[in-house]
Amino acid sequence: MIPLIVFLIFVAAVLGLSFVLGSKAKSASGYFAAHGQVGWFVNGVAFAGDYLSAASFLGICGMIAFYGYDGFLYSIGYLAGWVVALLVIAEPIKRLGKYTFADALDSQFNSRGIKLAAAISTLVVSLFYLIPQMVGAGALIKPLLGLDHHWGVLIVGSVVTVIVVTAGMVSTTWVQFIKGSLLVIFCAMLTIAILARGFRVTMTEVPTTPVTAVDPKDVPTGGHVIAIAGLPPGVDSTGPLGPIAFLQRINDVTVLNWKKAGDTYTPEVREAKSLMLPGGSPTFKGIRSEKLSDRLDFISLMLALFAGTASLPHILIRYYTVKDAAAARRSTVVGIAAIGFFYVLTLYLGLGALTSGLLNPADSNMSAPLLARSFGELPFAIISAIAFTTVLGTVSGLILAATGAVAHDLMENVFSIKFSDTGKVRAAKVSAVFIGVAAMVLGVLFKDLNASFLVGWAFNIAGSANLPALVMLLFWKRTTKQGIAAAIAVGLVSSLGWVLLSADAFAKVYGLDPAAAPAPFSQPGLITIPLGFVVLVVVSLMTKPRSQ
């Protein structure tokens, strides 16, 4: 009952805020960019609220809980990308743009080709990034409200669509600010609770036989500490630990987990220190693997995480909500501080989940909420509700970026449909409904994949399609409109095609033999990001420069 009450309070507060702020977003400037009057500190925390998505909270904590150090590599990659945003993108994007990513690219050209390519890229990247958010929403609703996955997806999709339709960027900014603040604060409190508890033995009799579980409620719980080296006889707990001591003592812990194969779960005893070495997960096996393709796959993913951050449309449009370039830079610094602090916390949350005794071997995305449940129903309810608002904040930003691409870039600028200011806002709201429905469908179809894994694909596509055009526009005067349009098109098609033809897609999406996949490795960024730069340079050299 407590989780339901807390959940309803959070949802009611978010929707109430959206309706109250709706009166301030009647014009296109208000709907798409909050009139450019958001304070730099609020915008910085909203950056964190926008960026710290279901993948960051649910996906990374789950990957650390199951794979240890490898999951933390995602945190490092996500944070490193903000260096590009701060040093390269923040101030120029504010000076060049108005509402959308396409505005910035086309600011010097007035090219229909650039607007079309950038709008399609925004839609594709937004949809790919929407998938893990909706998957995370479905994962949360199951234990929180006792509903099936698809109901969670429908609830999130409906609430977010209302947020975007009623108030646009004004409401989205404050939802992201509030959820970013709550996420960091309560995760810090949960980390303090983890350190205060330390490690304690939670199981003495270790099962040896597999368990068959068709119903989710029958899945055995993992994460049971069965031994702690170095304790005196008769003592089964380390007691409270400091942040450094916690990371040192994790090497002394032996944990019981369950290895999933279909509906069968086999007990698996592991020393936690084996998880603190890189290369143990399927995603990062290239660190240890002797195969060249595995190594290239790892390098490609890390490159995509580094390059993709500054290329995500829903992040770029946040720069239009502040008044000037200096405010854009300061808000980026605040965002980096909040995001960096949170990612340090994910290491403790993931390791805490690994040893919590409530790990769900069937659903890595639920590791953080189940960790909170080990401290009681109220912490579980609060963390789950915050995670739910985390999904709301990110999804609303993504849908808003996609609606700008449809109403502002495609309908008005590409197809020359003339709108009044209020007409453009109306078109954006109608677009939001259709995009919200598409997000719900995708969230149901991809429900079995880890959220962070799915985000890796979105970062690959964003970095391949958007980064070459944006960087070269800012730093190479010979860039032409044909070069920009070609780079976006080639980067988008090549990365999307590669992802869809990868071994991971064959195995986890189509249910086919991964050996039959034509792509040599699963993460395309190592090839497709440089390809975008090469295409832009070649096409620009073959066409007339801006001065002519």
Protein backbone atom coordinates (compact mmCIF):
# COMPACT_ATOMS: atom_id res chain seq x y z
CA MET A 1 0.00 0.00 0.00
CA ILE A 2 2.86 2.41 0.85
CA PRO A 3 4.48 2.13 -2.62
CA LEU A 4 1.15 2.86 -4.29
CA ILE A 5 0.50 5.96 -2.14
CA VAL A 6 4.00 7.37 -2.73
CA PHE A 7 3.72 6.65 -6.45
CA LEU A 8 0.37 8.44 -6.74
CA ILE A 9 1.70 11.46 -4.81
CA PHE A 10 4.67 11.79 -7.18
CA VAL A 11 2.54 11.44 -10.32
CA ALA A 12 -0.06 13.91 -9.04
CA ALA A 13 2.66 16.43 -8.18
CA VAL A 14 4.24 16.15 -11.63
CA LEU A 15 0.95 16.49 -13.47
CA GLY A 16 -0.16 19.37 -11.23
CA LEU A 17 3.09 21.21 -11.97
CA SER A 18 2.59 20.63 -15.68
CA PHE A 19 -0.93 22.11 -15.70
CA VAL A 20 0.11 25.10 -13.58
CA LEU A 21 3.01 25.93 -15.90
CA GLY A 22 0.97 25.29 -19.04
CA SER A 23 -0.30 28.86 -19.09
CA LYS A 24 3.30 30.08 -19.59
CA ALA A 25 3.91 28.13 -22.79
CA LYS A 26 1.43 29.47 -25.33
CA SER A 27 3.99 30.75 -27.86
CA ALA A 28 6.51 28.69 -29.87
CA SER A 29 9.35 30.32 -27.93
CA GLY A 30 7.72 29.32 -24.67
CA TYR A 31 6.79 25.81 -25.80
CA PHE A 32 10.15 24.82 -27.35
CA ALA A 33 12.64 26.91 -25.32
CA ALA A 34 10.86 28.20 -22.16
CA HIS A 35 11.33 31.75 -23.54
CA GLY A 36 15.10 31.37 -22.98
CA GLN A 37 14.62 32.57 -19.39
CA VAL A 38 15.64 29.50 -17.35
CA GLY A 39 18.37 30.30 -14.80
CA TRP A 40 21.76 28.69 -15.39
CA PHE A 41 21.73 26.75 -12.10
CA VAL A 42 18.23 25.40 -12.66
CA ASN A 43 19.18 24.50 -16.22
CA GLY A 44 22.35 22.75 -15.00
CA VAL A 45 20.43 20.56 -12.59
CA ALA A 46 17.83 20.02 -15.33
CA PHE A 47 20.70 18.82 -17.54
CA ALA A 48 21.39 16.19 -14.89
CA GLY A 49 17.68 15.39 -14.64
CA ASP A 50 17.47 15.02 -18.41
CA TYR A 51 20.67 13.00 -18.79
CA LEU A 52 20.36 10.73 -15.74
CA SER A 53 17.85 8.51 -17.41
CA ALA A 54 16.51 5.05 -16.71
CA ALA A 55 19.71 3.73 -18.28
CA SER A 56 21.87 5.70 -15.85
CA PHE A 57 19.93 4.81 -12.73
CA LEU A 58 18.39 1.41 -13.41
CA GLY A 59 20.66 0.11 -16.15
CA ILE A 60 24.08 1.03 -14.73
CA CYS A 61 23.21 -0.05 -11.18
CA GLY A 62 22.02 -3.35 -12.62
CA MET A 63 25.18 -3.83 -14.69
CA ILE A 64 27.42 -3.10 -11.68
CA ALA A 65 25.38 -5.51 -9.55
CA PHE A 66 25.75 -8.30 -12.12
CA TYR A 67 29.15 -7.51 -13.67
CA GLY A 68 30.93 -5.25 -11.20
CA TYR A 69 33.64 -3.01 -12.65
CA ASP A 70 32.35 -3.36 -16.22
CA GLY A 71 29.09 -1.66 -15.35
CA PHE A 72 31.02 1.31 -13.95
CA LEU A 73 32.75 1.72 -17.32
CA TYR A 74 29.39 2.94 -18.64
CA SER A 75 29.40 5.66 -15.97
CA ILE A 76 32.91 6.71 -17.00
CA GLY A 77 31.92 6.84 -20.66
CA TYR A 78 28.73 8.79 -20.02
CA LEU A 79 30.53 11.37 -17.89
CA ALA A 80 33.51 11.77 -20.24
CA GLY A 81 31.17 12.85 -23.02
CA TRP A 82 30.32 16.00 -21.08
CA VAL A 83 33.89 17.23 -21.60
CA VAL A 84 33.05 17.51 -25.29
CA ALA A 85 29.80 19.28 -24.46
CA LEU A 86 31.54 21.79 -22.19
CA LEU A 87 34.63 22.56 -24.26
CA VAL A 88 33.21 22.28 -27.78
CA ILE A 89 29.43 22.56 -27.94
CA ALA A 90 27.92 24.62 -25.11
CA GLU A 91 28.50 28.25 -26.15
CA PRO A 92 28.43 27.88 -29.97
CA ILE A 93 25.19 25.89 -29.98
CA LYS A 94 23.50 28.63 -27.95
CA ARG A 95 24.67 31.34 -30.36
CA LEU A 96 23.65 29.41 -33.49
CA GLY A 97 20.29 27.92 -32.59
CA LYS A 98 16.76 28.91 -31.81
CA TYR A 99 14.59 25.88 -31.02
CA THR A 100 16.12 22.68 -32.48
CA PHE A 101 19.37 20.95 -33.45
CA ALA A 102 18.57 21.62 -37.11
CA ASP A 103 18.42 25.38 -36.39
CA ALA A 104 22.06 25.34 -35.32
CA LEU A 105 23.30 23.36 -38.31
CA ASP A 106 21.34 25.44 -40.77
CA SER A 107 21.99 28.86 -39.22
CA GLN A 108 24.41 29.88 -41.98
CA PHE A 109 22.94 28.10 -44.98
CA ASN A 110 19.12 28.12 -45.13
CA SER A 111 19.28 24.65 -46.68
CA ARG A 112 16.24 22.41 -46.95
CA GLY A 113 18.55 19.38 -47.21
CA ILE A 114 20.19 20.13 -43.86
CA LYS A 115 16.82 20.65 -42.18
CA LEU A 116 15.49 17.36 -43.58
CA ALA A 117 18.57 15.32 -42.64
CA ALA A 118 18.83 16.84 -39.15
CA ALA A 119 15.12 16.37 -38.46
CA ILE A 120 15.19 12.70 -39.47
CA SER A 121 18.32 12.17 -37.38
CA THR A 122 16.64 13.78 -34.37
CA LEU A 123 13.61 11.53 -34.75
CA VAL A 124 15.64 8.33 -35.10
CA VAL A 125 17.99 9.09 -32.19
CA SER A 126 15.09 10.17 -29.98
CA LEU A 127 13.15 6.99 -30.70
CA PHE A 128 16.18 4.78 -30.04
CA TYR A 129 16.81 6.60 -26.76
CA LEU A 130 13.14 6.35 -25.84
CA ILE A 131 13.24 2.54 -25.95
CA PRO A 132 15.38 2.00 -22.80
CA GLN A 133 13.40 4.63 -20.90
CA MET A 134 10.16 2.82 -21.58
CA VAL A 135 11.75 -0.56 -20.80
CA GLY A 136 12.85 0.88 -17.45
CA ALA A 137 9.33 2.17 -16.82
CA GLY A 138 7.83 -1.27 -17.36
CA ALA A 139 10.43 -2.84 -15.06
CA LEU A 140 9.52 -0.40 -12.27
CA ILE A 141 5.78 -0.83 -12.44
CA LYS A 142 5.83 -4.60 -11.94
CA PRO A 143 7.06 -4.61 -8.32
CA LEU A 144 5.75 -1.13 -7.48
CA LEU A 145 2.11 -1.59 -8.46
CA GLY A 146 1.94 -5.29 -9.25
CA LEU A 147 1.09 -4.63 -12.91
CA ASP A 148 2.52 -6.24 -16.03
CA HIS A 149 5.34 -4.61 -18.00
CA HIS A 150 3.11 -3.23 -20.74
CA TRP A 151 0.96 -1.38 -18.20
CA GLY A 152 4.04 0.42 -16.90
CA VAL A 153 4.93 1.46 -20.42
CA LEU A 154 1.41 2.72 -21.05
CA ILE A 155 1.27 4.67 -17.77
CA VAL A 156 4.60 6.41 -18.43
CA GLY A 157 3.75 7.10 -22.05
CA SER A 158 0.41 8.62 -21.12
CA VAL A 159 1.73 10.79 -18.27
CA VAL A 160 4.65 12.08 -20.32
CA THR A 161 2.44 12.88 -23.29
CA VAL A 162 0.24 14.96 -20.98
CA ILE A 163 3.35 16.79 -19.65
CA VAL A 164 4.60 17.66 -23.13
CA VAL A 165 1.19 18.56 -24.53
CA THR A 166 0.20 20.82 -21.64
CA ALA A 167 3.34 22.87 -21.06
CA GLY A 168 6.27 21.92 -23.30
CA MET A 169 9.77 22.97 -22.23
CA VAL A 170 8.62 25.04 -19.23
CA SER A 171 7.11 22.04 -17.47
CA THR A 172 9.78 19.67 -18.75
CA THR A 173 12.55 21.85 -17.30
CA TRP A 174 11.06 21.95 -13.83
CA VAL A 175 10.20 18.24 -13.85
CA GLN A 176 13.82 17.53 -14.78
CA PHE A 177 15.14 19.94 -12.15
CA ILE A 178 13.05 18.38 -9.40
CA LYS A 179 13.75 14.79 -10.36
CA GLY A 180 17.47 15.47 -10.85
CA SER A 181 17.67 16.99 -7.36
CA LEU A 182 15.66 14.19 -5.76
CA LEU A 183 17.62 11.48 -7.55
CA VAL A 184 21.01 12.74 -6.39
CA ILE A 185 19.84 13.49 -2.83
CA PHE A 186 18.06 10.17 -2.18
CA CYS A 187 20.77 8.10 -3.87
CA ALA A 188 23.30 9.81 -1.59
CA MET A 189 21.11 8.89 1.40
CA LEU A 190 20.85 5.30 0.16
CA THR A 191 24.64 5.16 -0.23
CA ILE A 192 25.06 6.36 3.36
CA ALA A 193 22.71 3.58 4.47
CA ILE A 194 24.76 1.03 2.50
CA LEU A 195 27.98 2.17 4.16
CA ALA A 196 26.35 2.14 7.60
CA ARG A 197 25.20 -1.46 7.09
CA GLY A 198 28.48 -2.71 5.65
CA PHE A 199 28.50 -6.38 4.66
CA ARG A 200 26.77 -9.13 6.58
CA VAL A 201 26.23 -12.83 5.96
CA THR A 202 22.64 -13.39 4.83
CA MET A 203 22.73 -17.10 3.92
CA THR A 204 24.57 -20.03 5.51
CA GLU A 205 23.04 -23.02 3.70
CA VAL A 206 23.94 -22.73 0.02
CA PRO A 207 21.49 -24.38 -2.43
CA THR A 208 23.03 -26.76 -4.94
CA THR A 209 20.11 -27.70 -7.21
CA PRO A 210 18.68 -25.62 -10.08
CA VAL A 211 15.27 -23.98 -9.74
CA THR A 212 12.66 -23.81 -12.49
CA ALA A 213 10.60 -20.62 -12.34
CA VAL A 214 7.94 -19.91 -14.97
CA ASP A 215 6.14 -17.34 -12.82
CA PRO A 216 8.22 -14.22 -11.95
CA LYS A 217 7.28 -14.52 -8.28
CA ASP A 218 9.04 -17.90 -8.14
CA VAL A 219 12.41 -16.56 -9.33
CA PRO A 220 15.00 -17.17 -6.55
CA THR A 221 16.67 -14.08 -5.09
CA GLY A 222 20.40 -13.62 -5.51
CA GLY A 223 22.97 -11.35 -3.94
CA HIS A 224 23.23 -13.34 -0.73
CA VAL A 225 26.51 -12.92 1.14
CA ILE A 226 27.59 -16.39 2.22
CA ALA A 227 31.09 -15.63 3.50
CA ILE A 228 33.28 -12.67 4.49
CA ALA A 229 36.99 -13.35 4.78
CA GLY A 230 38.97 -11.89 7.65
CA LEU A 231 36.17 -11.76 10.26
CA PRO A 232 36.76 -13.15 13.76
CA PRO A 233 34.99 -16.44 14.63
CA GLY A 234 31.32 -15.99 15.39
CA VAL A 235 31.11 -12.56 13.73
CA ASP A 236 28.94 -12.36 10.60
CA SER A 237 29.12 -8.62 9.81
CA THR A 238 31.78 -6.04 9.05
CA GLY A 239 29.78 -3.28 10.71
CA PRO A 240 29.76 0.27 9.28
CA LEU A 241 32.39 1.04 6.65
CA GLY A 242 33.80 4.21 5.15
CA PRO A 243 33.70 4.80 1.38
CA ILE A 244 37.27 3.53 0.83
CA ALA A 245 36.98 0.66 3.30
CA PHE A 246 33.77 -0.46 1.58
CA LEU A 247 35.56 -0.82 -1.75
CA GLN A 248 38.43 -2.65 -0.05
CA ARG A 249 36.24 -5.11 1.87
CA ILE A 250 34.14 -6.02 -1.17
CA ASN A 251 37.16 -8.15 -2.17
CA ASP A 252 36.62 -10.31 0.95
CA VAL A 253 32.99 -11.13 0.16
CA THR A 254 31.65 -14.32 -1.42
CA VAL A 255 28.16 -14.06 -2.93
CA LEU A 256 25.49 -16.49 -4.07
CA ASN A 257 23.82 -15.55 -7.34
CA TRP A 258 21.72 -17.48 -9.84
CA LYS A 259 22.63 -18.05 -13.47
CA LYS A 260 19.62 -17.80 -15.77
CA ALA A 261 19.09 -20.10 -18.77
CA GLY A 262 15.52 -19.92 -20.05
CA ASP A 263 13.27 -20.67 -17.08
CA THR A 264 16.00 -22.51 -15.19
CA TYR A 265 18.14 -20.81 -12.52
CA THR A 266 21.36 -22.50 -11.42
CA PRO A 267 23.07 -21.44 -8.17
CA GLU A 268 26.40 -19.74 -8.76
CA VAL A 269 28.88 -18.92 -5.99
CA ARG A 270 31.26 -16.09 -6.87
CA GLU A 271 33.94 -14.15 -5.09
CA ALA A 272 33.06 -10.47 -5.40
CA LYS A 273 36.68 -9.59 -6.17
CA SER A 274 36.36 -11.40 -9.50
CA LEU A 275 33.76 -8.79 -10.47
CA MET A 276 36.14 -5.93 -9.70
CA LEU A 277 38.30 -6.84 -12.69
CA PRO A 278 37.42 -5.47 -16.16
CA GLY A 279 36.20 -7.65 -18.98
CA GLY A 280 33.85 -10.03 -17.18
CA SER A 281 30.61 -8.96 -18.86
CA PRO A 282 29.51 -9.89 -22.40
CA THR A 283 29.47 -6.18 -23.33
CA PHE A 284 33.08 -5.57 -22.29
CA LYS A 285 34.59 -8.98 -22.99
CA GLY A 286 36.84 -7.25 -25.52
CA ILE A 287 39.06 -6.02 -22.67
CA ARG A 288 40.29 -9.57 -22.04
CA SER A 289 39.40 -11.30 -25.29
CA GLU A 290 42.04 -12.36 -27.79
CA LYS A 291 39.62 -11.81 -30.67
CA LEU A 292 40.18 -8.59 -32.60
CA SER A 293 36.44 -8.13 -33.19
CA ASP A 294 35.74 -8.18 -29.44
CA ARG A 295 38.43 -5.57 -28.79
CA LEU A 296 37.13 -3.34 -31.54
CA ASP A 297 33.62 -3.68 -30.16
CA PHE A 298 34.75 -2.42 -26.74
CA ILE A 299 36.71 0.52 -28.19
CA SER A 300 33.76 1.38 -30.42
CA LEU A 301 31.31 1.48 -27.52
CA MET A 302 33.54 3.71 -25.39
CA LEU A 303 34.06 6.05 -28.36
CA ALA A 304 30.30 6.23 -28.87
CA LEU A 305 29.65 7.04 -25.20
CA PHE A 306 32.28 9.78 -25.36
CA ALA A 307 31.08 11.27 -28.65
CA GLY A 308 27.36 10.66 -28.32
CA THR A 309 26.63 12.87 -25.30
CA ALA A 310 27.24 16.13 -27.16
CA SER A 311 25.16 14.84 -30.07
CA LEU A 312 21.90 13.93 -28.33
CA PRO A 313 19.09 16.22 -29.56
CA HIS A 314 17.26 16.33 -26.24
CA ILE A 315 20.47 17.51 -24.53
CA LEU A 316 21.27 20.10 -27.21
CA ILE A 317 17.87 21.79 -27.03
CA ARG A 318 18.43 22.53 -23.32
CA TYR A 319 20.98 25.17 -24.35
CA TYR A 320 18.19 27.25 -25.89
CA THR A 321 16.43 27.63 -22.53
CA VAL A 322 19.07 30.00 -21.05
CA LYS A 323 19.57 33.63 -22.00
CA ASP A 324 23.16 33.67 -23.35
CA ALA A 325 26.30 31.67 -24.11
CA ALA A 326 27.88 32.36 -20.70
CA ALA A 327 24.80 30.92 -18.98
CA ALA A 328 25.04 27.88 -21.28
CA ARG A 329 28.64 27.29 -20.16
CA ARG A 330 27.85 27.72 -16.46
CA SER A 331 24.84 25.41 -16.65
CA THR A 332 27.06 22.76 -18.28
CA VAL A 333 29.52 22.98 -15.37
CA VAL A 334 26.66 22.53 -12.87
CA GLY A 335 25.36 19.59 -14.90
CA ILE A 336 28.79 17.91 -14.94
CA ALA A 337 29.14 18.31 -11.14
CA ALA A 338 25.72 16.78 -10.45
CA ILE A 339 26.14 13.99 -12.99
CA GLY A 340 29.68 13.15 -11.85
CA PHE A 341 28.62 12.92 -8.21
CA PHE A 342 25.71 10.68 -9.13
CA TYR A 343 27.90 8.31 -11.14
CA VAL A 344 30.22 7.88 -8.15
CA LEU A 345 27.14 6.90 -6.15
CA THR A 346 26.16 4.28 -8.75
CA LEU A 347 29.29 2.28 -7.87
CA TYR A 348 28.12 1.96 -4.25
CA LEU A 349 24.52 1.34 -5.24
CA GLY A 350 25.49 -1.42 -7.66
CA LEU A 351 27.81 -3.15 -5.19
CA GLY A 352 25.21 -2.70 -2.46
CA ALA A 353 22.66 -4.42 -4.69
CA LEU A 354 25.18 -7.21 -5.42
CA THR A 355 25.28 -8.03 -1.70
CA SER A 356 21.71 -7.11 -0.72
CA GLY A 357 20.15 -10.56 -0.79
CA LEU A 358 17.31 -9.29 -3.02
CA LEU A 359 18.96 -9.33 -6.45
CA ASN A 360 16.60 -10.47 -9.20
CA PRO A 361 18.54 -12.64 -11.70
CA ALA A 362 15.71 -12.27 -14.21
CA ASP A 363 15.73 -8.46 -14.32
CA SER A 364 18.95 -6.46 -13.92
CA ASN A 365 17.03 -3.18 -14.29
CA MET A 366 15.41 -3.65 -10.86
CA SER A 367 18.66 -3.89 -8.88
CA ALA A 368 18.56 -0.37 -7.39
CA PRO A 369 14.89 -0.41 -6.29
CA LEU A 370 15.30 -3.89 -4.77
CA LEU A 371 18.39 -2.66 -2.94
CA ALA A 372 16.22 0.08 -1.43
CA ARG A 373 13.65 -2.56 -0.45
CA SER A 374 16.32 -4.28 1.68
CA PHE A 375 16.08 -1.20 3.95
CA GLY A 376 12.27 -1.26 4.11
CA GLU A 377 9.13 -0.61 2.08
CA LEU A 378 9.26 3.17 2.41
CA PRO A 379 12.79 3.53 0.92
CA PHE A 380 11.71 1.15 -1.83
CA ALA A 381 8.62 3.24 -2.55
CA ILE A 382 10.56 6.51 -2.60
CA ILE A 383 13.40 5.26 -4.79
CA SER A 384 10.97 3.59 -7.18
CA ALA A 385 8.85 6.73 -7.43
CA ILE A 386 11.98 8.83 -8.05
CA ALA A 387 13.09 6.35 -10.68
CA PHE A 388 9.66 6.71 -12.24
CA THR A 389 10.02 10.51 -12.36
CA THR A 390 13.51 9.94 -13.79
CA VAL A 391 11.86 8.17 -16.69
CA LEU A 392 9.27 10.95 -16.97
CA GLY A 393 11.90 13.70 -17.14
CA THR A 394 14.03 12.03 -19.79
CA VAL A 395 11.13 10.82 -21.90
CA SER A 396 9.50 14.25 -21.89
CA GLY A 397 12.77 15.81 -23.09
CA LEU A 398 13.08 13.22 -25.86
CA ILE A 399 9.50 13.65 -27.02
CA LEU A 400 9.91 17.44 -26.95
CA ALA A 401 13.03 17.18 -29.15
CA ALA A 402 11.15 14.92 -31.55
CA THR A 403 8.12 17.23 -31.71
CA GLY A 404 10.40 20.15 -32.58
CA ALA A 405 11.86 18.08 -35.41
CA VAL A 406 8.38 17.33 -36.75
CA ALA A 407 6.56 20.65 -36.30
CA HIS A 408 9.40 23.18 -36.62
CA ASP A 409 11.94 21.43 -38.89
CA LEU A 410 9.90 19.16 -41.14
CA MET A 411 6.44 20.72 -41.39
CA GLU A 412 7.41 24.40 -41.35
CA ASN A 413 10.93 24.52 -42.80
CA VAL A 414 11.12 21.51 -45.13
CA PHE A 415 7.55 21.23 -46.40
CA SER A 416 6.89 24.99 -46.09
CA ILE A 417 3.61 24.62 -44.23
CA LYS A 418 2.83 28.08 -42.90
CA PHE A 419 1.83 28.23 -39.26
CA SER A 420 0.92 31.00 -36.92
CA ASP A 421 2.82 30.93 -33.64
CA THR A 422 -0.02 29.15 -31.88
CA GLY A 423 -0.51 26.89 -34.89
CA LYS A 424 3.07 25.65 -34.62
CA VAL A 425 2.54 24.85 -30.95
CA ARG A 426 -0.66 22.98 -31.82
CA ALA A 427 1.15 20.95 -34.47
CA ALA A 428 3.89 20.10 -31.97
CA LYS A 429 1.33 18.89 -29.43
CA VAL A 430 -0.35 16.63 -32.00
CA SER A 431 3.09 15.28 -32.95
CA ALA A 432 3.79 14.58 -29.27
CA VAL A 433 0.77 12.27 -29.10
CA PHE A 434 1.91 10.19 -32.09
CA ILE A 435 5.51 10.01 -30.87
CA GLY A 436 4.31 9.01 -27.41
CA VAL A 437 2.31 6.13 -28.89
CA ALA A 438 5.34 4.99 -30.91
CA ALA A 439 7.46 5.05 -27.75
CA MET A 440 4.93 2.86 -25.94
CA VAL A 441 4.94 0.26 -28.73
CA LEU A 442 8.76 0.13 -28.78
CA GLY A 443 8.91 -0.15 -24.99
CA VAL A 444 6.77 -3.28 -25.09
CA LEU A 445 8.69 -4.89 -27.98
CA PHE A 446 12.15 -4.45 -26.40
CA LYS A 447 11.18 -5.27 -22.80
CA ASP A 448 13.80 -8.01 -22.23
CA LEU A 449 16.94 -5.93 -22.94
CA ASN A 450 19.10 -4.08 -20.40
CA ALA A 451 18.49 -0.32 -20.48
CA SER A 452 22.19 0.65 -20.59
CA PHE A 453 22.83 -1.78 -23.42
CA LEU A 454 20.07 -0.16 -25.49
CA VAL A 455 21.40 3.33 -24.77
CA GLY A 456 24.76 2.28 -26.20
CA TRP A 457 23.06 1.90 -29.57
CA ALA A 458 21.44 5.34 -29.30
CA PHE A 459 24.82 6.94 -28.51
CA ASN A 460 26.41 5.22 -31.50
CA ILE A 461 23.74 6.55 -33.84
CA ALA A 462 23.80 10.07 -32.35
CA GLY A 463 27.58 10.32 -32.50
CA SER A 464 27.71 9.01 -36.06
CA ALA A 465 24.92 11.16 -37.48
CA ASN A 466 25.27 14.44 -35.57
CA LEU A 467 28.74 14.98 -34.15
CA PRO A 468 30.73 15.26 -37.42
CA ALA A 469 28.36 17.88 -38.83
CA LEU A 470 28.27 19.91 -35.61
CA VAL A 471 32.03 19.89 -34.98
CA MET A 472 33.02 20.66 -38.56
CA LEU A 473 30.47 23.48 -38.83
CA LEU A 474 32.02 25.11 -35.78
CA PHE A 475 35.68 24.60 -36.61
CA TRP A 476 36.14 24.23 -40.38
CA LYS A 477 35.20 27.24 -42.49
CA ARG A 478 35.24 25.19 -45.70
CA THR A 479 32.20 23.17 -44.56
CA THR A 480 29.33 23.34 -47.05
CA LYS A 481 25.63 22.65 -46.76
CA GLN A 482 25.99 19.61 -49.03
CA GLY A 483 28.75 18.27 -46.79
CA ILE A 484 26.64 18.62 -43.66
CA ALA A 485 23.58 16.95 -45.20
CA ALA A 486 25.68 14.11 -46.62
CA ALA A 487 27.52 13.52 -43.34
CA ILE A 488 24.27 13.29 -41.38
CA ALA A 489 22.66 10.96 -43.93
CA VAL A 490 25.66 8.63 -44.25
CA GLY A 491 26.34 8.58 -40.50
CA LEU A 492 22.70 7.86 -39.72
CA VAL A 493 22.16 5.15 -42.34
CA SER A 494 25.48 3.40 -41.75
CA SER A 495 25.20 3.30 -37.94
CA LEU A 496 21.53 2.33 -37.95
CA GLY A 497 22.12 -0.36 -40.54
CA TRP A 498 25.11 -1.69 -38.64
CA VAL A 499 23.18 -1.88 -35.36
CA LEU A 500 20.25 -3.68 -36.99
CA LEU A 501 22.61 -6.19 -38.64
CA SER A 502 24.76 -6.83 -35.55
CA ALA A 503 25.07 -10.09 -33.64
CA ASP A 504 23.36 -8.55 -30.60
CA ALA A 505 20.36 -7.52 -32.69
CA PHE A 506 20.15 -10.98 -34.28
CA ALA A 507 20.25 -12.75 -30.90
CA LYS A 508 18.33 -10.35 -28.62
CA VAL A 509 15.86 -8.68 -30.99
CA TYR A 510 15.16 -11.09 -33.87
CA GLY A 511 15.82 -14.36 -32.01
CA LEU A 512 18.18 -15.50 -34.79
CA ASP A 513 21.62 -17.13 -34.75
CA PRO A 514 24.12 -14.34 -33.94
CA ALA A 515 26.76 -16.12 -36.02
CA ALA A 516 24.71 -15.26 -39.10
CA ALA A 517 24.95 -11.50 -38.47
CA PRO A 518 26.90 -9.73 -41.23
CA ALA A 519 28.28 -6.93 -39.00
CA PRO A 520 31.77 -7.90 -37.74
CA PHE A 521 31.09 -6.43 -34.26
CA SER A 522 28.02 -4.94 -32.57
CA GLN A 523 28.99 -1.31 -31.80
CA PRO A 524 29.49 0.69 -35.03
CA GLY A 525 30.89 3.99 -33.72
CA LEU A 526 34.55 3.15 -34.38
CA ILE A 527 33.77 2.95 -38.10
CA THR A 528 30.72 5.17 -38.61
CA ILE A 529 31.80 8.25 -36.60
CA PRO A 530 35.06 8.72 -38.58
CA LEU A 531 33.08 7.89 -41.74
CA GLY A 532 30.84 10.90 -41.09
CA PHE A 533 33.88 13.22 -40.85
CA VAL A 534 35.40 11.78 -44.04
CA VAL A 535 32.15 12.14 -45.98
CA LEU A 536 31.72 15.75 -44.83
CA VAL A 537 35.26 16.72 -45.84
CA VAL A 538 35.09 15.01 -49.24
CA VAL A 539 31.67 16.38 -50.16
CA SER A 540 32.55 19.88 -48.91
CA LEU A 541 35.71 19.93 -51.02
CA MET A 542 33.66 18.90 -54.06
CA THR A 543 31.07 21.68 -53.58
CA LYS A 544 31.14 25.46 -53.39
CA PRO A 545 32.19 27.00 -50.05
CA ARG A 546 29.93 29.39 -48.14
CA SER A 547 31.73 32.49 -49.42
CA GLN A 548 30.67 31.69 -52.97
